[in-house]
Every structure is written in structure tokens, then in C-alpha cells.
């Protein structure tokens, strides 16, 4: 697959403010947002890289301190539109033998206080999923959670997605728009890569422990499959790759995700062919909601209020979580031609002290170093396992000056040598 890890930059209204580290870009206007074409180390590989960035949807610059207002700094900030997420979790867990009181214990969530407009924090929702995972019986609970949300989409803010015209628009809204992220997959943000034939979505998680990771991956993938099927009124052809070995409950994977499954891969990812993206959505899927509940897609792609089918007013948040902001910042500043930008500069960008930034990241269960290494690791895996480029090309793309240091870095990050990753 001819994919390259892009140097992401966040776009402001002015193109002048968007430029960072000499990256070149161009705008292409479409309903789904701005298309960004980047040319950096892709030139060395003889390929063009095109990525859809959701940064333009935030109306902020990643390297601009004004952007701190668009960042969810604390894991306790209440930004998740949680009513439908909690209902789905309770319904699935209770059907699998869980105790309701134990499910909500320690979450700060009270069922009798839940309203359509109720907001949760990432810490609360993550705690709920930990309880579901530990108490609900069955190897398919994660997949059932993903499907449970899809059954409720016409009543939630996601009902606005019936206005999508084709599969590409629907996929972009579900996986890239932060306005929908906070009411569907609040702990997961997908990084999107594409080549001439295919789109690859790699999940990145916020507030998810290593014990939760596989469960969260399965839930996120099942959510995308079920939501796209429900909204599009047809099964969308997707393929999936996992870093884990082939599981014993492979039948659950095939039932909820389909038969196109690969294991022991470099990435956890969703892939979709571009000819599928161009498919129009079924009219029946767009017209099965009443006219009074119709919400314009364009009306909710920024910070704005929308109404559910029941008429409840919901404030949709168009904000990045702090870990996602840091990942984006590291992507942008990792350009080999850019100055070395580290933790102090990031803290200044966010208008907080270094100590405060470290504390806020610790709340999310991560650190600046861990996020930097995640970015580096994914970059190395993409270059070596997917593209199978030479050491020289990969080292240059990662901004590493000498080959011995490059080999040591790759071994430390991935546990394998560059040669082993190319196999």
C-alpha cells in the first residue's frame, strides 16, 4: 500500500497562518472540508501524499496559543454527549449479566439524572467501559457495544448524518469530525492516510489503558461498521488489520466486522477502497426521519447546537483532546527541516506551565514522551512495514541524521530491526 505518514498542519482561515516548517499545501473546497496536499519527504519516495485534515474544522492553528481554547485540557472536562453512549453500555452489559450498581460505581454517572443533553468527561466514560469490560460476560461484548450505538443513531445528534450524499462524506464525518467524535467514539480519533486506490484509518486512543486497548479497538471498529451500515442503509465494504494474533473468537470478528480480516500486522487499521467511497447513499436512509427532525450537515460541523429527534437541544463540541493535540503538534514539529520543538515550546503554545502540562497529560494516563514515541513508532512502521523503503529514505523522513542511530531508534520503538519490519 503506497501510503506515507503526512506532516500534519492545522489550517486557519488564512493560508498565511497555516504554514509551518515550510510545508506546502493547497485548498480544495468540498462539503467534507478542506483537502490538504503535503509535499515533504514524500518527494524522496516519489509519491504524492493527500490527507484530509480535521484541523481546519477547529478553526485554529496548532502552533498558535489561541488554539488552547479548542483543546480539552483535562480528562475531567465534560464534553462527551453521553446519554446514548451510557444507554448503549448499560443495555449490553445488563444483557450479559452485569450488575447495574457495579457498572456505575466510581463513574460519577447517575442513571436517574441522565438527560439527552447530559455531558460526561473522558474519565467518566472510560471508567464506565472498564466496568463493562470486567463485569459483562462474553467475548463479543466489545462488538455488541459498537452495534448498540448504531441502533440509536436516529435519535441522537448523529441523525444529522442522513444528509450525507455518499460514503466518503459519511466516513469523514464519523471518523474525522470532532463534532461527532464526542457523541460516538469519544476515546478514539482516527488518523487518515490515503493513496491512489485506498484509504487507511489508524485509531489513536485517549484515556485508554493497555488492558482496555484491544477491547476499545474492537468496539471502535464495530461502531464504524454498524453506524455506516445503519445510516447508509447497506453494508459498506471494509477491511481490517490488527496487531494482535488471530483470536480464538474469530467468529465474533467475522460476524460484526466481516471476512476481510488480517492479524499480526504493523497497524490496527480500517481500509476502504476509493471506488466504495464514491458510492451514493440510499435515499431510504436519508428520508426515514421526519422533516421536523431534519438537521443540516453543514449546520453542525463547528461548535453549534443541534436538536435530537426528540427535540432536545445538544451543544456539539468541536475540540481536540489534549493527547490528540500533542500528537498533532509532534507530527507538525517532527519535520526534519524544522527547529527542534519540545515540551517547553508546547506548554507555551497552550499557555500553561510545563508542570501543568505534564499533570494534565498524566490525568489522561500518558506523557509527552509516550506520545512522541507513539508518533515515531507509527512513522517507522508505516515507512518500513508498509512502504518497505530503504534505511536511508526512512531515516531522512524521520529526521534522523545517521543510520546507526536510526537502527537503534527503530529497534527501541518497535522491538524489531528495520530489516525484520520489511519482511
Protein backbone atom coordinates (compact mmCIF):
# COMPACT_ATOMS: atom_id res chain seq x y z
CA UNK A 1 0.00 0.00 0.00
CA UNK A 2 1.57 3.24 -1.14
CA UNK A 3 0.84 5.36 1.95
CA UNK A 4 3.03 7.96 3.61
CA UNK A 5 2.81 9.44 7.09
CA UNK A 6 1.99 13.09 6.49
CA UNK A 7 3.39 16.08 8.30
CA UNK A 8 0.08 17.33 9.60
CA UNK A 9 -0.57 21.03 9.91
CA UNK A 10 -3.66 22.72 11.25
CA UNK A 11 -5.23 25.27 8.99
CA UNK A 12 -6.63 28.63 9.99
CA UNK A 13 -8.89 30.80 7.83
CA UNK A 14 -5.80 32.47 6.45
CA UNK A 15 -3.38 30.33 4.43
CA UNK A 16 -0.51 32.51 5.70
CA UNK A 17 -1.10 31.40 9.27
CA UNK A 18 -1.33 27.74 8.34
CA UNK A 19 2.20 27.34 7.01
CA UNK A 20 4.59 25.61 9.40
CA UNK A 21 8.09 24.27 8.82
CA UNK A 22 7.99 25.05 5.12
CA UNK A 23 5.20 22.61 4.31
CA UNK A 24 3.35 23.24 1.06
CA UNK A 25 -0.38 22.92 0.83
CA UNK A 26 -3.35 23.65 -1.34
CA UNK A 27 -7.05 24.04 -0.63
CA UNK A 28 -9.79 22.11 -2.36
CA UNK A 29 -13.33 23.13 -1.46
CA UNK A 30 -15.88 20.43 -0.75
CA UNK A 31 -18.65 19.75 1.73
CA UNK A 32 -16.48 17.39 3.74
CA UNK A 33 -13.96 20.16 4.46
CA UNK A 34 -10.54 21.14 3.21
CA UNK A 35 -8.29 18.76 1.34
CA UNK A 36 -4.59 19.19 2.10
CA UNK A 37 -1.80 18.09 -0.15
CA UNK A 38 1.60 17.94 1.55
CA UNK A 39 5.00 17.63 -0.10
CA UNK A 40 7.94 16.87 2.16
CA UNK A 41 9.74 13.55 2.47
CA UNK A 42 7.14 12.14 0.08
CA UNK A 43 9.24 13.63 -2.70
CA UNK A 44 12.09 11.37 -1.75
CA UNK A 45 9.79 8.38 -2.10
CA UNK A 46 8.46 9.53 -5.46
CA UNK A 47 4.87 9.72 -4.29
CA UNK A 48 2.24 12.32 -3.53
CA UNK A 49 0.50 12.32 -0.18
CA UNK A 50 -3.01 13.59 0.25
CA UNK A 51 -4.66 13.72 3.64
CA UNK A 52 -7.95 15.07 4.92
CA UNK A 53 -7.19 17.19 7.97
CA UNK A 54 -9.86 17.98 10.52
CA UNK A 55 -7.75 20.81 11.87
CA UNK A 56 -9.50 23.26 9.57
CA UNK A 57 -12.73 22.31 11.29
CA UNK A 58 -11.28 23.58 14.54
CA UNK A 59 -10.55 26.99 13.05
CA UNK A 60 -7.27 27.12 14.88
CA UNK A 61 -3.55 26.76 14.33
CA UNK A 62 -1.77 24.01 16.19
CA UNK A 63 1.24 26.23 16.73
CA UNK A 64 -0.90 29.17 17.84
CA UNK A 65 -1.56 29.71 21.55
CA UNK A 66 -5.10 30.83 20.68
CA UNK A 67 -5.75 27.19 19.86
CA UNK A 68 -5.64 26.28 23.54
CA UNK A 69 -9.29 27.31 23.80
CA UNK A 70 -10.13 24.45 21.43
CA UNK A 71 -8.29 21.80 23.45
CA UNK A 72 -9.91 19.60 26.10
CA UNK A 73 -7.14 20.08 28.63
CA UNK A 74 -8.45 17.87 31.41
CA UNK A 75 -9.80 14.33 31.39
CA UNK A 76 -12.46 15.67 33.75
CA UNK A 77 -13.78 18.31 31.34
CA UNK A 78 -17.34 17.38 30.37
CA UNK A 79 -17.53 17.39 26.57
CA UNK A 80 -18.98 13.96 25.72
CA UNK A 81 -22.64 13.90 24.71
CA UNK A 82 -23.13 10.84 26.83
CA UNK A 83 -26.80 9.87 27.04
CA UNK A 84 -26.80 7.42 24.11
CA UNK A 85 -23.34 6.07 24.95
CA UNK A 86 -24.35 5.27 28.52
CA UNK A 87 -27.67 3.73 27.46
CA UNK A 88 -25.88 1.51 24.94
CA UNK A 89 -23.29 0.41 27.52
CA UNK A 90 -25.94 -0.37 30.15
CA UNK A 91 -28.17 -2.26 27.73
CA UNK A 92 -25.36 -4.50 26.52
CA UNK A 93 -23.77 -5.09 29.93
CA UNK A 94 -27.05 -5.85 31.70
CA UNK A 95 -27.99 -8.33 28.98
CA UNK A 96 -24.69 -10.12 29.75
CA UNK A 97 -25.22 -10.50 33.49
CA UNK A 98 -23.67 -7.29 34.84
CA UNK A 99 -24.98 -5.57 37.97
CA UNK A 100 -26.23 -2.04 37.27
CA UNK A 101 -24.95 -0.60 40.55
CA UNK A 102 -21.49 -2.06 39.97
CA UNK A 103 -21.46 -0.78 36.39
CA UNK A 104 -21.92 2.81 37.52
CA UNK A 105 -19.76 2.55 40.64
CA UNK A 106 -16.91 5.02 40.63
CA UNK A 107 -18.01 6.69 37.39
CA UNK A 108 -19.90 9.67 38.79
CA UNK A 109 -22.74 8.74 36.41
CA UNK A 110 -26.25 8.52 37.87
CA UNK A 111 -28.85 6.87 35.69
CA UNK A 112 -31.80 8.83 37.11
CA UNK A 113 -30.00 12.10 36.29
CA UNK A 114 -29.22 11.22 32.65
CA UNK A 115 -30.80 13.55 30.11
CA UNK A 116 -30.35 13.86 26.35
CA UNK A 117 -28.20 16.93 26.93
CA UNK A 118 -26.09 15.37 29.72
CA UNK A 119 -22.34 15.74 29.28
CA UNK A 120 -19.66 13.35 30.53
CA UNK A 121 -15.90 13.57 30.86
CA UNK A 122 -13.49 11.17 29.19
CA UNK A 123 -12.58 9.91 32.66
CA UNK A 124 -16.21 9.07 33.44
CA UNK A 125 -16.81 7.28 30.14
CA UNK A 126 -13.53 5.38 30.33
CA UNK A 127 -14.40 4.25 33.86
CA UNK A 128 -17.78 3.01 32.64
CA UNK A 129 -16.16 0.96 29.88
CA UNK A 130 -13.68 -0.54 32.36
CA UNK A 131 -16.64 -1.69 34.47
CA UNK A 132 -18.44 -3.08 31.42
CA UNK A 133 -15.37 -4.98 30.28
CA UNK A 134 -14.80 -6.51 33.73
CA UNK A 135 -18.41 -7.45 34.51
CA UNK A 136 -20.18 -8.33 31.27
CA UNK A 137 -19.77 -11.95 30.16
CA UNK A 138 -18.80 -12.97 26.63
CA UNK A 139 -16.02 -12.37 24.13
CA UNK A 140 -18.27 -10.32 21.88
CA UNK A 141 -19.22 -7.58 24.37
CA UNK A 142 -16.98 -5.01 22.68
CA UNK A 143 -18.59 -5.69 19.31
CA UNK A 144 -22.08 -5.53 20.81
CA UNK A 145 -21.29 -2.14 22.33
CA UNK A 146 -20.29 -0.84 18.92
CA UNK A 147 -23.51 -2.11 17.39
CA UNK A 148 -25.71 -0.84 20.23
CA UNK A 149 -24.93 2.79 19.42
CA UNK A 150 -25.90 2.27 15.79
CA UNK A 151 -29.39 1.17 16.81
CA UNK A 152 -29.90 4.56 18.49
CA UNK A 153 -28.42 6.89 15.88
CA UNK A 154 -31.74 8.30 14.54
CA UNK A 155 -32.49 9.73 18.00
CA UNK A 156 -29.01 11.08 18.71
CA UNK A 157 -27.09 14.04 17.19
CA UNK A 158 -25.76 11.54 14.64
CA UNK A 159 -29.14 11.75 12.88
CA UNK A 160 -27.72 14.78 11.05
CA UNK A 161 -25.54 12.39 9.07
CA UNK A 162 -28.55 11.35 6.99
CA UNK A 163 -27.73 14.48 4.98
CA UNK A 164 -24.51 12.88 3.69
CA UNK A 165 -24.62 12.29 -0.06
CA UNK A 166 -22.10 9.47 -0.40
CA UNK A 167 -19.96 7.03 1.55
CA UNK A 168 -16.95 9.36 1.56
CA UNK A 169 -18.85 12.14 3.31
CA UNK A 170 -20.28 9.71 5.84
CA UNK A 171 -16.90 8.15 6.61
CA UNK A 172 -15.31 11.58 7.05
CA UNK A 173 -17.99 12.76 9.45
CA UNK A 174 -17.82 9.60 11.56
CA UNK A 175 -14.05 9.32 11.80
CA UNK A 176 -12.68 12.86 11.40
CA UNK A 177 -15.21 15.43 12.61
CA UNK A 178 -14.80 16.21 16.28
CA UNK A 179 -18.41 17.38 16.50
CA UNK A 180 -19.46 13.76 16.01
CA UNK A 181 -16.48 12.21 17.76
CA UNK A 182 -17.81 13.38 21.14
CA UNK A 183 -21.15 11.60 20.69
CA UNK A 184 -19.96 8.39 19.03
CA UNK A 185 -16.29 7.48 19.64
CA UNK A 186 -15.07 9.96 22.28
CA UNK A 187 -11.98 7.95 23.23
CA UNK A 188 -10.82 7.34 19.65
CA UNK A 189 -9.52 9.61 16.93
CA UNK A 190 -8.64 8.12 13.55
CA UNK A 191 -5.57 9.22 11.63
CA UNK A 192 -6.28 9.05 7.91
CA UNK A 193 -3.81 8.16 5.16
CA UNK A 194 -4.58 7.62 1.51
CA UNK A 195 -3.05 6.63 -1.78
CA UNK A 196 -4.47 6.44 -5.28
CA UNK A 197 -6.70 3.46 -4.54
CA UNK A 198 -7.35 3.19 -0.84
CA UNK A 199 -7.99 4.99 2.44
CA UNK A 200 -6.38 3.74 5.66
CA UNK A 201 -7.70 4.78 9.08
CA UNK A 202 -5.43 4.18 12.08
CA UNK A 203 -7.06 4.58 15.53
CA UNK A 204 -5.42 6.62 18.26
CA UNK A 205 -6.89 6.43 21.76
CA UNK A 206 -7.29 8.86 24.63
CA UNK A 207 -7.63 7.77 28.25
CA UNK A 208 -7.44 4.06 27.39
CA UNK A 209 -5.13 1.76 29.36
CA UNK A 210 -3.19 -1.11 27.81
CA UNK A 211 -5.69 -3.56 29.35
CA UNK A 212 -8.52 -1.72 27.61
CA UNK A 213 -6.82 -1.27 24.26
CA UNK A 214 -7.94 -4.35 22.32
CA UNK A 215 -11.45 -4.08 23.75
CA UNK A 216 -11.55 -0.41 22.66
CA UNK A 217 -10.25 -1.22 19.17
CA UNK A 218 -12.93 -3.86 18.67
CA UNK A 219 -15.62 -1.50 19.95
CA UNK A 220 -14.45 1.38 17.74
CA UNK A 221 -14.27 -0.76 14.59
CA UNK A 222 -17.68 -2.31 15.28
CA UNK A 223 -19.16 1.16 15.84
CA UNK A 224 -17.91 2.41 12.47
CA UNK A 225 -19.22 -0.70 10.68
CA UNK A 226 -22.64 -0.63 12.36
CA UNK A 227 -23.16 3.12 12.07
CA UNK A 228 -22.19 3.20 8.40
CA UNK A 229 -24.47 0.26 7.68
CA UNK A 230 -27.41 1.83 9.54
CA UNK A 231 -27.02 5.31 8.08
CA UNK A 232 -26.14 4.21 4.54
CA UNK A 233 -28.82 1.51 4.63
CA UNK A 234 -26.34 -1.04 3.23
CA UNK A 235 -23.21 -2.92 4.26
CA UNK A 236 -20.11 -0.94 3.33
CA UNK A 237 -17.13 -3.00 2.10
CA UNK A 238 -14.31 -2.52 4.62
CA UNK A 239 -11.20 -4.49 5.57
CA UNK A 240 -9.44 -4.58 8.93
CA UNK A 241 -5.95 -5.25 10.22
CA UNK A 242 -4.88 -5.99 13.80
CA UNK A 243 -1.54 -6.11 15.55
CA UNK A 244 -2.79 -9.00 17.71
CA UNK A 245 -2.61 -12.65 16.72
CA UNK A 246 -5.65 -14.39 15.26
CA UNK A 247 -8.13 -14.65 18.20
CA UNK A 248 -9.98 -17.73 19.33
CA UNK A 249 -13.31 -15.95 18.95
CA UNK A 250 -12.69 -15.26 15.26
CA UNK A 251 -16.39 -15.91 14.58
CA UNK A 252 -17.27 -12.76 16.56
CA UNK A 253 -14.91 -10.72 14.39
CA UNK A 254 -16.39 -12.14 11.21
CA UNK A 255 -19.96 -11.60 12.39
CA UNK A 256 -19.52 -7.96 13.35
CA UNK A 257 -16.73 -6.78 11.02
CA UNK A 258 -16.87 -9.09 8.02
CA UNK A 259 -14.48 -11.57 6.46
CA UNK A 260 -11.71 -9.20 5.36
CA UNK A 261 -9.52 -9.55 8.45
CA UNK A 262 -5.73 -9.61 8.83
CA UNK A 263 -3.77 -10.29 12.03
CA UNK A 264 -0.16 -9.85 13.17
CA UNK A 265 0.05 -6.63 11.18
CA UNK A 266 2.05 -3.47 11.83
CA UNK A 267 -1.08 -1.40 12.45
CA UNK A 268 -4.59 -1.65 13.75
CA UNK A 269 -6.49 -0.11 10.87
CA UNK A 270 -9.63 0.15 8.76
CA UNK A 271 -9.15 0.19 4.98
CA UNK A 272 -11.67 1.13 2.31
CA UNK A 273 -11.29 1.18 -1.46
CA UNK A 274 -11.85 4.55 -3.13
CA UNK A 275 -14.41 3.16 -5.56
CA UNK A 276 -16.53 2.37 -2.49
CA UNK A 277 -16.16 5.95 -1.23
CA UNK A 278 -17.87 7.28 -4.34
CA UNK A 279 -20.99 5.19 -3.84
CA UNK A 280 -24.13 7.28 -3.15
CA UNK A 281 -26.13 6.62 -0.01
CA UNK A 282 -29.56 5.03 -0.31
CA UNK A 283 -32.39 7.56 -0.43
CA UNK A 284 -34.41 5.50 2.01
CA UNK A 285 -31.74 6.01 4.64
CA UNK A 286 -31.89 9.76 4.21
CA UNK A 287 -35.65 10.09 4.22
CA UNK A 288 -36.75 7.84 7.08
CA UNK A 289 -36.67 10.62 9.66
CA UNK A 290 -39.39 13.23 9.96
CA UNK A 291 -38.96 16.61 8.38
CA UNK A 292 -39.12 18.39 11.73
CA UNK A 293 -36.09 16.45 12.98
CA UNK A 294 -34.02 17.21 9.88
CA UNK A 295 -30.67 18.82 10.68
CA UNK A 296 -28.40 20.32 8.04
CA UNK A 297 -25.00 18.65 7.93
CA UNK A 298 -23.32 21.98 7.34
CA UNK A 299 -25.05 23.41 10.38
CA UNK A 300 -23.26 21.20 12.89
CA UNK A 301 -19.68 20.96 11.66
CA UNK A 302 -18.48 23.63 14.07
CA UNK A 303 -19.31 24.50 17.66
CA UNK A 304 -23.07 24.70 17.49
CA UNK A 305 -26.31 23.43 18.94
CA UNK A 306 -28.35 20.77 17.23
CA UNK A 307 -31.57 19.01 18.10
CA UNK A 308 -32.20 15.32 18.51
CA UNK A 309 -35.23 13.57 17.11
CA UNK A 310 -36.87 14.07 20.50
CA UNK A 311 -36.28 17.82 20.23
CA UNK A 312 -33.60 18.09 22.93
CA UNK A 313 -31.03 20.79 22.21
CA UNK A 314 -27.47 19.45 22.23
CA UNK A 315 -24.29 21.51 22.20
CA UNK A 316 -21.78 19.77 19.93
CA UNK A 317 -18.15 20.40 20.78
CA UNK A 318 -15.57 20.85 18.04
CA UNK A 319 -12.48 20.35 20.17
CA UNK A 320 -9.37 18.18 20.31
CA UNK A 321 -8.45 16.18 23.40
CA UNK A 322 -5.08 17.18 24.84
CA UNK A 323 -3.34 13.92 23.77
CA UNK A 324 -4.65 14.36 20.23
CA UNK A 325 -3.43 17.95 20.21
CA UNK A 326 0.02 16.80 21.33
CA UNK A 327 0.14 14.10 18.64
CA UNK A 328 -0.77 16.69 16.02
CA UNK A 329 1.84 19.07 17.39
CA UNK A 330 4.52 16.38 17.28
CA UNK A 331 3.59 15.44 13.70
CA UNK A 332 3.96 19.07 12.66
CA UNK A 333 7.19 19.75 14.53
CA UNK A 334 8.88 16.48 13.55
CA UNK A 335 9.70 17.81 10.09
CA UNK A 336 13.42 17.30 9.52
CA UNK A 337 13.75 20.89 8.32
CA UNK A 338 12.06 22.36 11.39
CA UNK A 339 13.68 23.52 14.56
CA UNK A 340 13.69 21.11 17.49
CA UNK A 341 10.45 21.92 19.30
CA UNK A 342 9.85 20.20 22.62
CA UNK A 343 7.81 20.21 25.80
CA UNK A 344 8.57 23.81 26.89
CA UNK A 345 7.51 25.17 23.50
CA UNK A 346 4.33 23.07 23.57
CA UNK A 347 3.49 24.34 27.07
CA UNK A 348 3.96 27.90 25.85
CA UNK A 349 1.70 27.18 22.88
CA UNK A 350 -1.02 26.08 25.28
CA UNK A 351 -0.30 28.99 27.65
CA UNK A 352 0.38 26.69 30.61
CA UNK A 353 3.47 25.80 32.62
CA UNK A 354 5.47 22.67 31.85
CA UNK A 355 4.44 21.23 35.22
CA UNK A 356 0.76 21.84 34.48
CA UNK A 357 1.03 20.25 31.05
CA UNK A 358 2.71 17.17 32.50
CA UNK A 359 -0.01 16.91 35.15
CA UNK A 360 -2.81 17.24 32.59
CA UNK A 361 -1.29 14.55 30.39
CA UNK A 362 -0.89 12.29 33.43
CA UNK A 363 -4.64 12.67 34.03
CA UNK A 364 -5.13 11.06 30.63
CA UNK A 365 -2.75 8.26 31.57
CA UNK A 366 0.02 9.35 29.22
CA UNK A 367 3.02 11.66 28.90
CA UNK A 368 4.67 13.88 26.31
CA UNK A 369 7.43 11.31 25.84
CA UNK A 370 4.96 8.46 25.37
CA UNK A 371 3.03 10.41 22.74
CA UNK A 372 6.24 11.38 20.92
CA UNK A 373 7.32 7.74 20.84
CA UNK A 374 3.89 6.70 19.56
CA UNK A 375 4.26 9.17 16.68
CA UNK A 376 7.79 7.96 15.93
CA UNK A 377 6.79 4.31 16.16
CA UNK A 378 3.86 4.70 13.77
CA UNK A 379 6.05 6.62 11.35
CA UNK A 380 8.73 3.92 11.38
CA UNK A 381 6.18 1.11 10.96
CA UNK A 382 4.48 2.86 8.07
CA UNK A 383 7.74 3.54 6.25
CA UNK A 384 9.31 0.13 6.80
CA UNK A 385 6.43 -2.34 7.10
CA UNK A 386 4.02 -0.78 4.62
CA UNK A 387 6.26 1.03 2.12
CA UNK A 388 9.38 -1.09 2.71
CA UNK A 389 11.64 1.85 1.90
CA UNK A 390 15.40 1.83 2.42
CA UNK A 391 17.02 2.77 5.72
CA UNK A 392 18.39 5.96 4.19
CA UNK A 393 14.98 7.09 2.95
CA UNK A 394 13.24 6.21 6.21
CA UNK A 395 15.90 7.90 8.36
CA UNK A 396 15.66 11.06 6.27
CA UNK A 397 11.85 11.06 6.51
CA UNK A 398 12.04 10.66 10.32
CA UNK A 399 14.64 13.40 10.68
CA UNK A 400 17.40 11.08 11.96
CA UNK A 401 20.86 12.05 10.79
CA UNK A 402 22.85 8.80 10.91
CA UNK A 403 21.96 5.19 10.15
CA UNK A 404 23.30 3.57 13.35
CA UNK A 405 21.12 5.93 15.42
CA UNK A 406 18.19 5.18 13.11
CA UNK A 407 18.54 1.43 13.57
CA UNK A 408 18.81 1.80 17.35
CA UNK A 409 15.74 4.05 17.41
CA UNK A 410 13.64 1.65 15.32
CA UNK A 411 14.69 -1.31 17.48
CA UNK A 412 13.83 0.58 20.68
CA UNK A 413 10.43 1.73 19.40
CA UNK A 414 9.24 -1.42 17.67
CA UNK A 415 11.30 -4.26 19.14
CA UNK A 416 12.46 -5.21 15.64
CA UNK A 417 15.22 -4.16 13.28
CA UNK A 418 14.39 -2.31 10.04
CA UNK A 419 15.13 -5.49 8.07
CA UNK A 420 12.74 -7.52 10.22
CA UNK A 421 9.99 -4.93 9.73
CA UNK A 422 10.28 -5.18 5.94
CA UNK A 423 9.54 -8.90 5.90
